[in-house]
Amino acid sequence: MRSANRPVSEDRPAEKKPVRWMGSSRKDLTEMPEDIQDAFGKALLQAQFGGRAASTKIMQGFGGATVLEIREDEDGSTYRLVYTVRFPRYVYALHVFQKKSRHGAETPRQDIDLIHTRLAAADADYQELTAAEQAQAPGSVTPDREIKRKPHGKRDG
């Protein structure tokens, strides 16, 4: 079993999971310093292949190890990208922000609330995507292919 802090080894390649960006998270990332964008991009790439960067920590209060936070420091500021690996086929980027307070490492309540809201939206998005993919699967019944049954006891003719 591989360590949680190492990328997937080359002898055991994993399928790359796409990133789905919730709310303004992608736009917020583009407003970060370039070095931070690069570091977050590399850490997310590891997550896409099932690994975890050394700068990634489990966020407490989200029911397990499926909500994670990438932390990077630059010029006295702390930047964070919160994502989830809760869903089997996608990595969801939930929130990207610069931590303004220097009162310890605690995440501000407004950011926690936003992460909870976006996590719920990610869950709804995943359920919708899964339902749509199942409806498109070969052999599935879709409204335009629905089998119409005749009332019991009636015959053609």
N, C-alpha and C. Protein backbone atom coordinates (compact mmCIF):
# COMPACT_ATOMS: atom_id res chain seq x y z
N MET A 1 0.84 -1.18 0.00
CA MET A 1 0.00 0.00 0.00
C MET A 1 0.89 1.24 0.00
N ARG A 2 0.56 2.21 -0.82
CA ARG A 2 1.42 3.38 -0.92
C ARG A 2 1.07 4.41 0.14
N SER A 3 2.05 5.22 0.45
CA SER A 3 1.86 6.27 1.44
C SER A 3 0.92 7.34 0.89
N ALA A 4 0.15 7.95 1.78
CA ALA A 4 -0.79 8.99 1.36
C ALA A 4 -0.07 10.24 0.87
N ASN A 5 1.21 10.42 1.22
CA ASN A 5 1.93 11.62 0.83
C ASN A 5 2.80 11.44 -0.41
N ARG A 6 2.61 10.34 -1.11
CA ARG A 6 3.39 10.13 -2.31
C ARG A 6 2.47 10.04 -3.52
N PRO A 7 2.96 10.50 -4.67
CA PRO A 7 2.15 10.35 -5.87
C PRO A 7 2.04 8.88 -6.25
N VAL A 8 1.09 8.58 -7.10
CA VAL A 8 0.92 7.22 -7.60
C VAL A 8 2.19 6.82 -8.32
N SER A 9 2.68 5.62 -8.07
CA SER A 9 3.92 5.17 -8.70
C SER A 9 3.68 4.88 -10.17
N GLU A 10 4.75 5.00 -10.94
CA GLU A 10 4.64 4.80 -12.38
C GLU A 10 4.34 3.36 -12.74
N ASP A 11 4.68 2.41 -11.85
CA ASP A 11 4.40 1.02 -12.17
C ASP A 11 2.93 0.65 -11.92
N ARG A 12 2.18 1.56 -11.33
CA ARG A 12 0.76 1.34 -11.10
C ARG A 12 -0.03 2.57 -11.51
N PRO A 13 -0.13 2.82 -12.82
CA PRO A 13 -0.81 4.05 -13.24
C PRO A 13 -2.30 4.02 -12.91
N ALA A 14 -2.82 5.15 -12.56
CA ALA A 14 -4.25 5.29 -12.29
C ALA A 14 -4.86 6.14 -13.40
N GLU A 15 -6.15 6.03 -13.54
CA GLU A 15 -6.84 6.87 -14.50
C GLU A 15 -6.93 8.28 -13.93
N LYS A 16 -6.69 9.26 -14.77
CA LYS A 16 -6.72 10.66 -14.34
C LYS A 16 -8.17 11.12 -14.20
N LYS A 17 -8.52 11.57 -13.00
CA LYS A 17 -9.86 12.08 -12.74
C LYS A 17 -9.91 13.55 -13.15
N PRO A 18 -10.96 13.96 -13.86
CA PRO A 18 -11.08 15.39 -14.19
C PRO A 18 -11.40 16.21 -12.93
N VAL A 19 -11.01 17.49 -12.97
CA VAL A 19 -11.34 18.42 -11.89
C VAL A 19 -12.61 19.16 -12.28
N ARG A 20 -13.54 19.24 -11.35
CA ARG A 20 -14.74 20.05 -11.53
C ARG A 20 -14.62 21.21 -10.53
N TRP A 21 -14.75 22.42 -11.05
CA TRP A 21 -14.54 23.63 -10.26
C TRP A 21 -15.88 24.16 -9.77
N MET A 22 -16.02 24.32 -8.48
CA MET A 22 -17.28 24.79 -7.89
C MET A 22 -17.22 26.29 -7.63
N GLY A 23 -18.34 26.95 -7.91
CA GLY A 23 -18.45 28.38 -7.66
C GLY A 23 -17.37 29.17 -8.37
N SER A 24 -16.75 30.08 -7.66
CA SER A 24 -15.72 30.95 -8.25
C SER A 24 -14.31 30.40 -8.05
N SER A 25 -14.19 29.13 -7.66
CA SER A 25 -12.87 28.59 -7.29
C SER A 25 -11.85 28.69 -8.42
N ARG A 26 -12.24 28.43 -9.66
CA ARG A 26 -11.27 28.50 -10.76
C ARG A 26 -10.83 29.95 -11.00
N LYS A 27 -11.79 30.86 -10.99
CA LYS A 27 -11.47 32.28 -11.17
C LYS A 27 -10.58 32.77 -10.02
N ASP A 28 -10.91 32.35 -8.81
CA ASP A 28 -10.12 32.76 -7.64
C ASP A 28 -8.68 32.27 -7.76
N LEU A 29 -8.50 31.07 -8.30
CA LEU A 29 -7.15 30.54 -8.48
C LEU A 29 -6.35 31.40 -9.45
N THR A 30 -6.99 31.88 -10.51
CA THR A 30 -6.27 32.69 -11.51
C THR A 30 -5.83 34.04 -10.95
N GLU A 31 -6.40 34.44 -9.82
CA GLU A 31 -6.03 35.71 -9.19
C GLU A 31 -4.91 35.56 -8.16
N MET A 32 -4.46 34.33 -7.95
CA MET A 32 -3.36 34.07 -7.01
C MET A 32 -2.02 34.32 -7.70
N PRO A 33 -0.95 34.52 -6.91
CA PRO A 33 0.39 34.65 -7.52
C PRO A 33 0.73 33.40 -8.34
N GLU A 34 1.52 33.57 -9.38
CA GLU A 34 1.85 32.47 -10.29
C GLU A 34 2.46 31.27 -9.58
N ASP A 35 3.35 31.51 -8.63
CA ASP A 35 3.98 30.40 -7.91
C ASP A 35 2.93 29.58 -7.15
N ILE A 36 1.94 30.25 -6.61
CA ILE A 36 0.87 29.57 -5.88
C ILE A 36 0.02 28.77 -6.86
N GLN A 37 -0.30 29.37 -8.00
CA GLN A 37 -1.07 28.65 -9.03
C GLN A 37 -0.34 27.37 -9.44
N ASP A 38 0.97 27.49 -9.66
CA ASP A 38 1.77 26.32 -10.06
C ASP A 38 1.76 25.24 -8.98
N ALA A 39 1.96 25.65 -7.73
CA ALA A 39 1.99 24.67 -6.63
C ALA A 39 0.63 23.99 -6.48
N PHE A 40 -0.44 24.77 -6.56
CA PHE A 40 -1.78 24.18 -6.46
C PHE A 40 -2.05 23.25 -7.64
N GLY A 41 -1.61 23.65 -8.83
CA GLY A 41 -1.81 22.81 -10.01
C GLY A 41 -1.11 21.47 -9.88
N LYS A 42 0.13 21.49 -9.39
CA LYS A 42 0.88 20.24 -9.20
C LYS A 42 0.23 19.35 -8.14
N ALA A 43 -0.23 19.96 -7.06
CA ALA A 43 -0.87 19.18 -5.99
C ALA A 43 -2.20 18.60 -6.48
N LEU A 44 -2.96 19.37 -7.25
CA LEU A 44 -4.22 18.85 -7.80
C LEU A 44 -3.97 17.72 -8.78
N LEU A 45 -2.89 17.83 -9.55
CA LEU A 45 -2.56 16.76 -10.50
C LEU A 45 -2.29 15.46 -9.74
N GLN A 46 -1.59 15.55 -8.63
CA GLN A 46 -1.37 14.34 -7.81
C GLN A 46 -2.71 13.78 -7.34
N ALA A 47 -3.62 14.66 -6.92
CA ALA A 47 -4.94 14.21 -6.47
C ALA A 47 -5.70 13.54 -7.62
N GLN A 48 -5.55 14.06 -8.82
CA GLN A 48 -6.25 13.49 -9.97
C GLN A 48 -5.81 12.05 -10.25
N PHE A 49 -4.59 11.72 -9.86
CA PHE A 49 -4.08 10.37 -10.06
C PHE A 49 -4.13 9.53 -8.78
N GLY A 50 -4.83 10.04 -7.76
CA GLY A 50 -5.01 9.27 -6.53
C GLY A 50 -3.96 9.50 -5.47
N GLY A 51 -3.05 10.44 -5.68
CA GLY A 51 -2.01 10.72 -4.70
C GLY A 51 -2.36 11.92 -3.84
N ARG A 52 -1.41 12.30 -3.00
CA ARG A 52 -1.60 13.47 -2.15
C ARG A 52 -0.26 14.16 -1.97
N ALA A 53 -0.22 15.46 -2.27
CA ALA A 53 1.00 16.25 -2.12
C ALA A 53 1.33 16.43 -0.64
N ALA A 54 2.59 16.66 -0.34
CA ALA A 54 3.03 16.87 1.04
C ALA A 54 2.38 18.10 1.67
N SER A 55 2.01 19.09 0.85
CA SER A 55 1.39 20.31 1.36
C SER A 55 -0.11 20.16 1.61
N THR A 56 -0.63 18.95 1.46
CA THR A 56 -2.06 18.69 1.60
C THR A 56 -2.37 18.10 2.98
N LYS A 57 -3.40 18.65 3.60
CA LYS A 57 -3.84 18.18 4.92
C LYS A 57 -5.32 17.85 4.87
N ILE A 58 -5.74 16.93 5.72
CA ILE A 58 -7.16 16.59 5.84
C ILE A 58 -7.86 17.72 6.59
N MET A 59 -8.99 18.18 6.07
CA MET A 59 -9.77 19.21 6.77
C MET A 59 -10.67 18.52 7.80
N GLN A 60 -10.64 19.01 9.00
CA GLN A 60 -11.46 18.47 10.08
C GLN A 60 -12.90 18.99 9.94
N GLY A 61 -13.85 18.19 10.40
CA GLY A 61 -15.24 18.63 10.42
C GLY A 61 -16.02 18.30 9.17
N PHE A 62 -15.45 17.46 8.31
CA PHE A 62 -16.14 17.10 7.07
C PHE A 62 -16.35 15.60 6.95
N GLY A 63 -16.31 14.90 8.07
CA GLY A 63 -16.66 13.49 8.08
C GLY A 63 -15.66 12.56 7.43
N GLY A 64 -14.40 12.72 7.71
CA GLY A 64 -13.41 11.78 7.19
C GLY A 64 -12.32 12.45 6.40
N ALA A 65 -11.63 11.64 5.62
CA ALA A 65 -10.44 12.11 4.90
C ALA A 65 -10.73 12.42 3.44
N THR A 66 -11.97 12.82 3.13
CA THR A 66 -12.30 13.07 1.73
C THR A 66 -12.30 14.55 1.36
N VAL A 67 -12.21 15.44 2.33
CA VAL A 67 -12.09 16.88 2.06
C VAL A 67 -10.70 17.29 2.51
N LEU A 68 -9.94 17.79 1.56
CA LEU A 68 -8.53 18.09 1.81
C LEU A 68 -8.21 19.54 1.48
N GLU A 69 -7.11 20.01 2.06
CA GLU A 69 -6.71 21.40 1.89
C GLU A 69 -5.24 21.45 1.52
N ILE A 70 -4.95 22.12 0.42
CA ILE A 70 -3.57 22.38 0.01
C ILE A 70 -3.20 23.74 0.59
N ARG A 71 -2.08 23.81 1.31
CA ARG A 71 -1.63 25.06 1.92
C ARG A 71 -0.29 25.45 1.32
N GLU A 72 -0.20 26.70 0.92
CA GLU A 72 1.06 27.24 0.41
C GLU A 72 1.28 28.62 1.01
N ASP A 73 2.52 28.92 1.36
CA ASP A 73 2.89 30.22 1.91
C ASP A 73 3.78 30.95 0.92
N GLU A 74 3.56 32.25 0.81
CA GLU A 74 4.41 33.09 -0.03
C GLU A 74 4.35 34.52 0.49
N ASP A 75 5.51 35.12 0.68
CA ASP A 75 5.62 36.52 1.11
C ASP A 75 4.75 36.84 2.33
N GLY A 76 4.75 35.95 3.31
CA GLY A 76 4.00 36.19 4.53
C GLY A 76 2.51 35.91 4.46
N SER A 77 2.03 35.47 3.31
CA SER A 77 0.60 35.15 3.16
C SER A 77 0.42 33.65 3.02
N THR A 78 -0.73 33.17 3.46
CA THR A 78 -1.07 31.75 3.33
C THR A 78 -2.21 31.62 2.34
N TYR A 79 -2.05 30.72 1.38
CA TYR A 79 -3.05 30.47 0.35
C TYR A 79 -3.55 29.04 0.52
N ARG A 80 -4.83 28.86 0.25
CA ARG A 80 -5.42 27.53 0.43
C ARG A 80 -6.32 27.17 -0.75
N LEU A 81 -6.27 25.90 -1.10
CA LEU A 81 -7.20 25.34 -2.07
C LEU A 81 -7.83 24.11 -1.41
N VAL A 82 -9.14 24.12 -1.28
CA VAL A 82 -9.86 23.01 -0.66
C VAL A 82 -10.53 22.20 -1.76
N TYR A 83 -10.34 20.88 -1.69
CA TYR A 83 -10.94 20.01 -2.69
C TYR A 83 -11.45 18.74 -2.03
N THR A 84 -12.26 17.99 -2.77
CA THR A 84 -12.74 16.72 -2.25
C THR A 84 -12.48 15.59 -3.24
N VAL A 85 -12.18 14.43 -2.66
CA VAL A 85 -12.01 13.20 -3.44
C VAL A 85 -13.12 12.22 -3.04
N ARG A 86 -14.20 12.75 -2.53
CA ARG A 86 -15.33 11.95 -2.05
C ARG A 86 -16.00 11.16 -3.18
N PHE A 87 -15.90 11.65 -4.41
CA PHE A 87 -16.62 11.06 -5.52
C PHE A 87 -15.67 10.24 -6.39
N PRO A 88 -16.07 9.04 -6.78
CA PRO A 88 -15.15 8.11 -7.44
C PRO A 88 -14.53 8.58 -8.76
N ARG A 89 -15.23 9.41 -9.52
CA ARG A 89 -14.72 9.71 -10.86
C ARG A 89 -14.27 11.15 -11.06
N TYR A 90 -14.37 11.98 -10.03
CA TYR A 90 -14.00 13.39 -10.17
C TYR A 90 -13.29 13.88 -8.92
N VAL A 91 -12.45 14.91 -9.11
CA VAL A 91 -11.91 15.70 -8.02
C VAL A 91 -12.66 17.03 -8.10
N TYR A 92 -13.26 17.45 -7.02
CA TYR A 92 -14.00 18.72 -7.00
C TYR A 92 -13.19 19.76 -6.25
N ALA A 93 -12.83 20.86 -6.94
CA ALA A 93 -12.19 22.01 -6.29
C ALA A 93 -13.31 22.85 -5.69
N LEU A 94 -13.32 22.98 -4.38
CA LEU A 94 -14.43 23.62 -3.68
C LEU A 94 -14.21 25.10 -3.38
N HIS A 95 -12.99 25.46 -2.99
CA HIS A 95 -12.76 26.84 -2.56
C HIS A 95 -11.27 27.15 -2.65
N VAL A 96 -10.96 28.34 -3.14
CA VAL A 96 -9.58 28.83 -3.22
C VAL A 96 -9.57 30.20 -2.56
N PHE A 97 -8.67 30.40 -1.59
CA PHE A 97 -8.67 31.68 -0.90
C PHE A 97 -7.32 31.98 -0.27
N GLN A 98 -7.14 33.25 0.06
CA GLN A 98 -5.97 33.70 0.80
C GLN A 98 -6.42 33.88 2.24
N LYS A 99 -5.75 33.23 3.15
CA LYS A 99 -6.10 33.36 4.56
C LYS A 99 -5.55 34.68 5.07
N LYS A 100 -6.43 35.53 5.52
CA LYS A 100 -6.04 36.87 5.95
C LYS A 100 -5.64 36.92 7.42
N SER A 101 -6.35 36.19 8.26
CA SER A 101 -6.11 36.24 9.70
C SER A 101 -4.82 35.52 10.06
N ARG A 102 -4.13 36.03 11.04
CA ARG A 102 -2.92 35.37 11.53
C ARG A 102 -3.18 34.76 12.90
N HIS A 103 -4.44 34.47 13.19
CA HIS A 103 -4.80 33.85 14.48
C HIS A 103 -4.73 32.34 14.34
N GLY A 104 -3.53 31.84 14.24
CA GLY A 104 -3.34 30.40 14.12
C GLY A 104 -3.71 29.89 12.74
N ALA A 105 -3.84 28.58 12.65
CA ALA A 105 -4.12 27.95 11.36
C ALA A 105 -5.61 27.75 11.13
N GLU A 106 -6.44 28.18 12.08
CA GLU A 106 -7.87 27.95 11.98
C GLU A 106 -8.48 28.64 10.76
N THR A 107 -9.31 27.89 10.06
CA THR A 107 -10.00 28.43 8.88
C THR A 107 -11.19 29.27 9.35
N PRO A 108 -11.33 30.50 8.82
CA PRO A 108 -12.44 31.36 9.23
C PRO A 108 -13.81 30.71 8.98
N ARG A 109 -14.77 30.99 9.85
CA ARG A 109 -16.12 30.41 9.79
C ARG A 109 -16.78 30.64 8.43
N GLN A 110 -16.64 31.84 7.85
CA GLN A 110 -17.29 32.10 6.56
C GLN A 110 -16.74 31.19 5.46
N ASP A 111 -15.45 30.86 5.53
CA ASP A 111 -14.87 29.95 4.55
C ASP A 111 -15.36 28.52 4.78
N ILE A 112 -15.46 28.11 6.04
CA ILE A 112 -15.99 26.77 6.36
C ILE A 112 -17.42 26.64 5.84
N ASP A 113 -18.24 27.67 6.08
CA ASP A 113 -19.63 27.64 5.61
C ASP A 113 -19.69 27.53 4.09
N LEU A 114 -18.83 28.28 3.40
CA LEU A 114 -18.81 28.23 1.94
C LEU A 114 -18.37 26.85 1.45
N ILE A 115 -17.41 26.25 2.12
CA ILE A 115 -16.96 24.91 1.74
C ILE A 115 -18.10 23.90 1.92
N HIS A 116 -18.84 24.00 3.02
CA HIS A 116 -19.99 23.11 3.23
C HIS A 116 -21.03 23.29 2.12
N THR A 117 -21.31 24.54 1.76
CA THR A 117 -22.28 24.82 0.70
C THR A 117 -21.83 24.25 -0.63
N ARG A 118 -20.56 24.45 -0.95
CA ARG A 118 -20.04 23.95 -2.23
C ARG A 118 -19.90 22.43 -2.24
N LEU A 119 -19.65 21.84 -1.09
CA LEU A 119 -19.60 20.38 -1.01
C LEU A 119 -20.99 19.80 -1.29
N ALA A 120 -22.02 20.42 -0.74
CA ALA A 120 -23.40 19.97 -1.02
C ALA A 120 -23.72 20.15 -2.50
N ALA A 121 -23.26 21.26 -3.09
CA ALA A 121 -23.48 21.48 -4.53
C ALA A 121 -22.71 20.45 -5.36
N ALA A 122 -21.52 20.09 -4.92
CA ALA A 122 -20.73 19.06 -5.62
C ALA A 122 -21.44 17.72 -5.56
N ASP A 123 -22.03 17.41 -4.42
CA ASP A 123 -22.79 16.16 -4.28
C ASP A 123 -23.96 16.14 -5.26
N ALA A 124 -24.70 17.24 -5.34
CA ALA A 124 -25.83 17.33 -6.27
C ALA A 124 -25.33 17.22 -7.71
N ASP A 125 -24.22 17.89 -8.02
CA ASP A 125 -23.64 17.84 -9.36
C ASP A 125 -23.25 16.41 -9.72
N TYR A 126 -22.61 15.72 -8.79
CA TYR A 126 -22.17 14.35 -9.05
C TYR A 126 -23.37 13.42 -9.27
N GLN A 127 -24.40 13.58 -8.45
CA GLN A 127 -25.60 12.76 -8.62
C GLN A 127 -26.24 13.01 -9.99
N GLU A 128 -26.27 14.27 -10.40
CA GLU A 128 -26.84 14.62 -11.70
C GLU A 128 -26.00 14.04 -12.84
N LEU A 129 -24.69 14.16 -12.74
CA LEU A 129 -23.80 13.60 -13.77
C LEU A 129 -23.94 12.09 -13.86
N THR A 130 -23.99 11.44 -12.71
CA THR A 130 -24.11 9.99 -12.67
C THR A 130 -25.44 9.54 -13.28
N ALA A 131 -26.52 10.23 -12.94
CA ALA A 131 -27.83 9.89 -13.49
C ALA A 131 -27.84 10.09 -15.01
N ALA A 132 -27.24 11.18 -15.48
CA ALA A 132 -27.20 11.45 -16.92
C ALA A 132 -26.37 10.40 -17.65
N GLU A 133 -25.25 10.00 -17.05
CA GLU A 133 -24.41 8.98 -17.68
C GLU A 133 -25.12 7.62 -17.71
N GLN A 134 -25.84 7.30 -16.66
CA GLN A 134 -26.57 6.03 -16.63
C GLN A 134 -27.69 6.04 -17.66
N ALA A 135 -28.33 7.19 -17.86
CA ALA A 135 -29.40 7.29 -18.85
C ALA A 135 -28.85 7.12 -20.26
N GLN A 136 -27.59 7.48 -20.46
CA GLN A 136 -26.95 7.36 -21.78
C GLN A 136 -26.35 5.99 -22.01
N ALA A 137 -26.29 5.17 -20.98
CA ALA A 137 -25.65 3.85 -21.10
C ALA A 137 -26.44 2.96 -22.06
N PRO A 138 -25.72 2.13 -22.83
CA PRO A 138 -26.41 1.23 -23.75
C PRO A 138 -27.39 0.33 -23.01
N GLY A 139 -28.58 0.20 -23.59
CA GLY A 139 -29.59 -0.67 -23.01
C GLY A 139 -30.46 -0.01 -21.96
N SER A 140 -30.15 1.24 -21.62
CA SER A 140 -30.98 1.91 -20.63
C SER A 140 -32.23 2.46 -21.30
N VAL A 141 -33.28 2.61 -20.55
CA VAL A 141 -34.52 3.13 -21.09
C VAL A 141 -34.51 4.64 -20.91
N THR A 142 -34.65 5.34 -22.01
CA THR A 142 -34.74 6.79 -21.98
C THR A 142 -36.14 7.18 -22.42
N PRO A 143 -36.59 8.39 -22.15
CA PRO A 143 -37.96 8.76 -22.50
C PRO A 143 -38.30 8.51 -23.97
N ASP A 144 -37.37 8.75 -24.89
CA ASP A 144 -37.68 8.54 -26.30
C ASP A 144 -37.66 7.06 -26.69
N ARG A 145 -37.19 6.19 -25.81
CA ARG A 145 -37.17 4.75 -26.09
C ARG A 145 -38.05 3.99 -25.11
N GLU A 146 -38.88 4.71 -24.41
CA GLU A 146 -39.71 4.09 -23.39
C GLU A 146 -40.64 3.05 -24.01
N ILE A 147 -40.75 1.94 -23.35
CA ILE A 147 -41.61 0.87 -23.84
C ILE A 147 -43.03 1.16 -23.37
N LYS A 148 -43.94 1.23 -24.32
CA LYS A 148 -45.33 1.50 -23.97
C LYS A 148 -46.05 0.17 -23.84
N ARG A 149 -46.70 -0.02 -22.74
CA ARG A 149 -47.43 -1.27 -22.49
C ARG A 149 -48.92 -1.02 -22.67
N LYS A 150 -49.55 -2.01 -23.21
CA LYS A 150 -51.00 -1.93 -23.39
C LYS A 150 -51.66 -2.30 -22.06
N PRO A 151 -52.81 -1.73 -21.78
CA PRO A 151 -53.51 -2.10 -20.56
C PRO A 151 -53.76 -3.61 -20.54
N HIS A 152 -53.68 -4.18 -19.39
CA HIS A 152 -53.84 -5.63 -19.22
C HIS A 152 -55.20 -6.08 -19.76
N GLY A 153 -55.19 -7.16 -20.53
CA GLY A 153 -56.43 -7.73 -21.04
C GLY A 153 -56.82 -7.22 -22.42
N LYS A 154 -56.19 -6.17 -22.92
CA LYS A 154 -56.52 -5.66 -24.25
C LYS A 154 -55.62 -6.32 -25.27
N ARG A 155 -56.15 -6.53 -26.47
CA ARG A 155 -55.40 -7.20 -27.52
C ARG A 155 -55.28 -6.29 -28.72
N ASP A 156 -54.21 -6.49 -29.47
CA ASP A 156 -54.07 -5.80 -30.76
C ASP A 156 -55.11 -6.36 -31.71
N GLY A 157 -55.57 -5.54 -32.61
CA GLY A 157 -56.36 -6.09 -33.68
C GLY A 157 -57.66 -5.60 -33.79
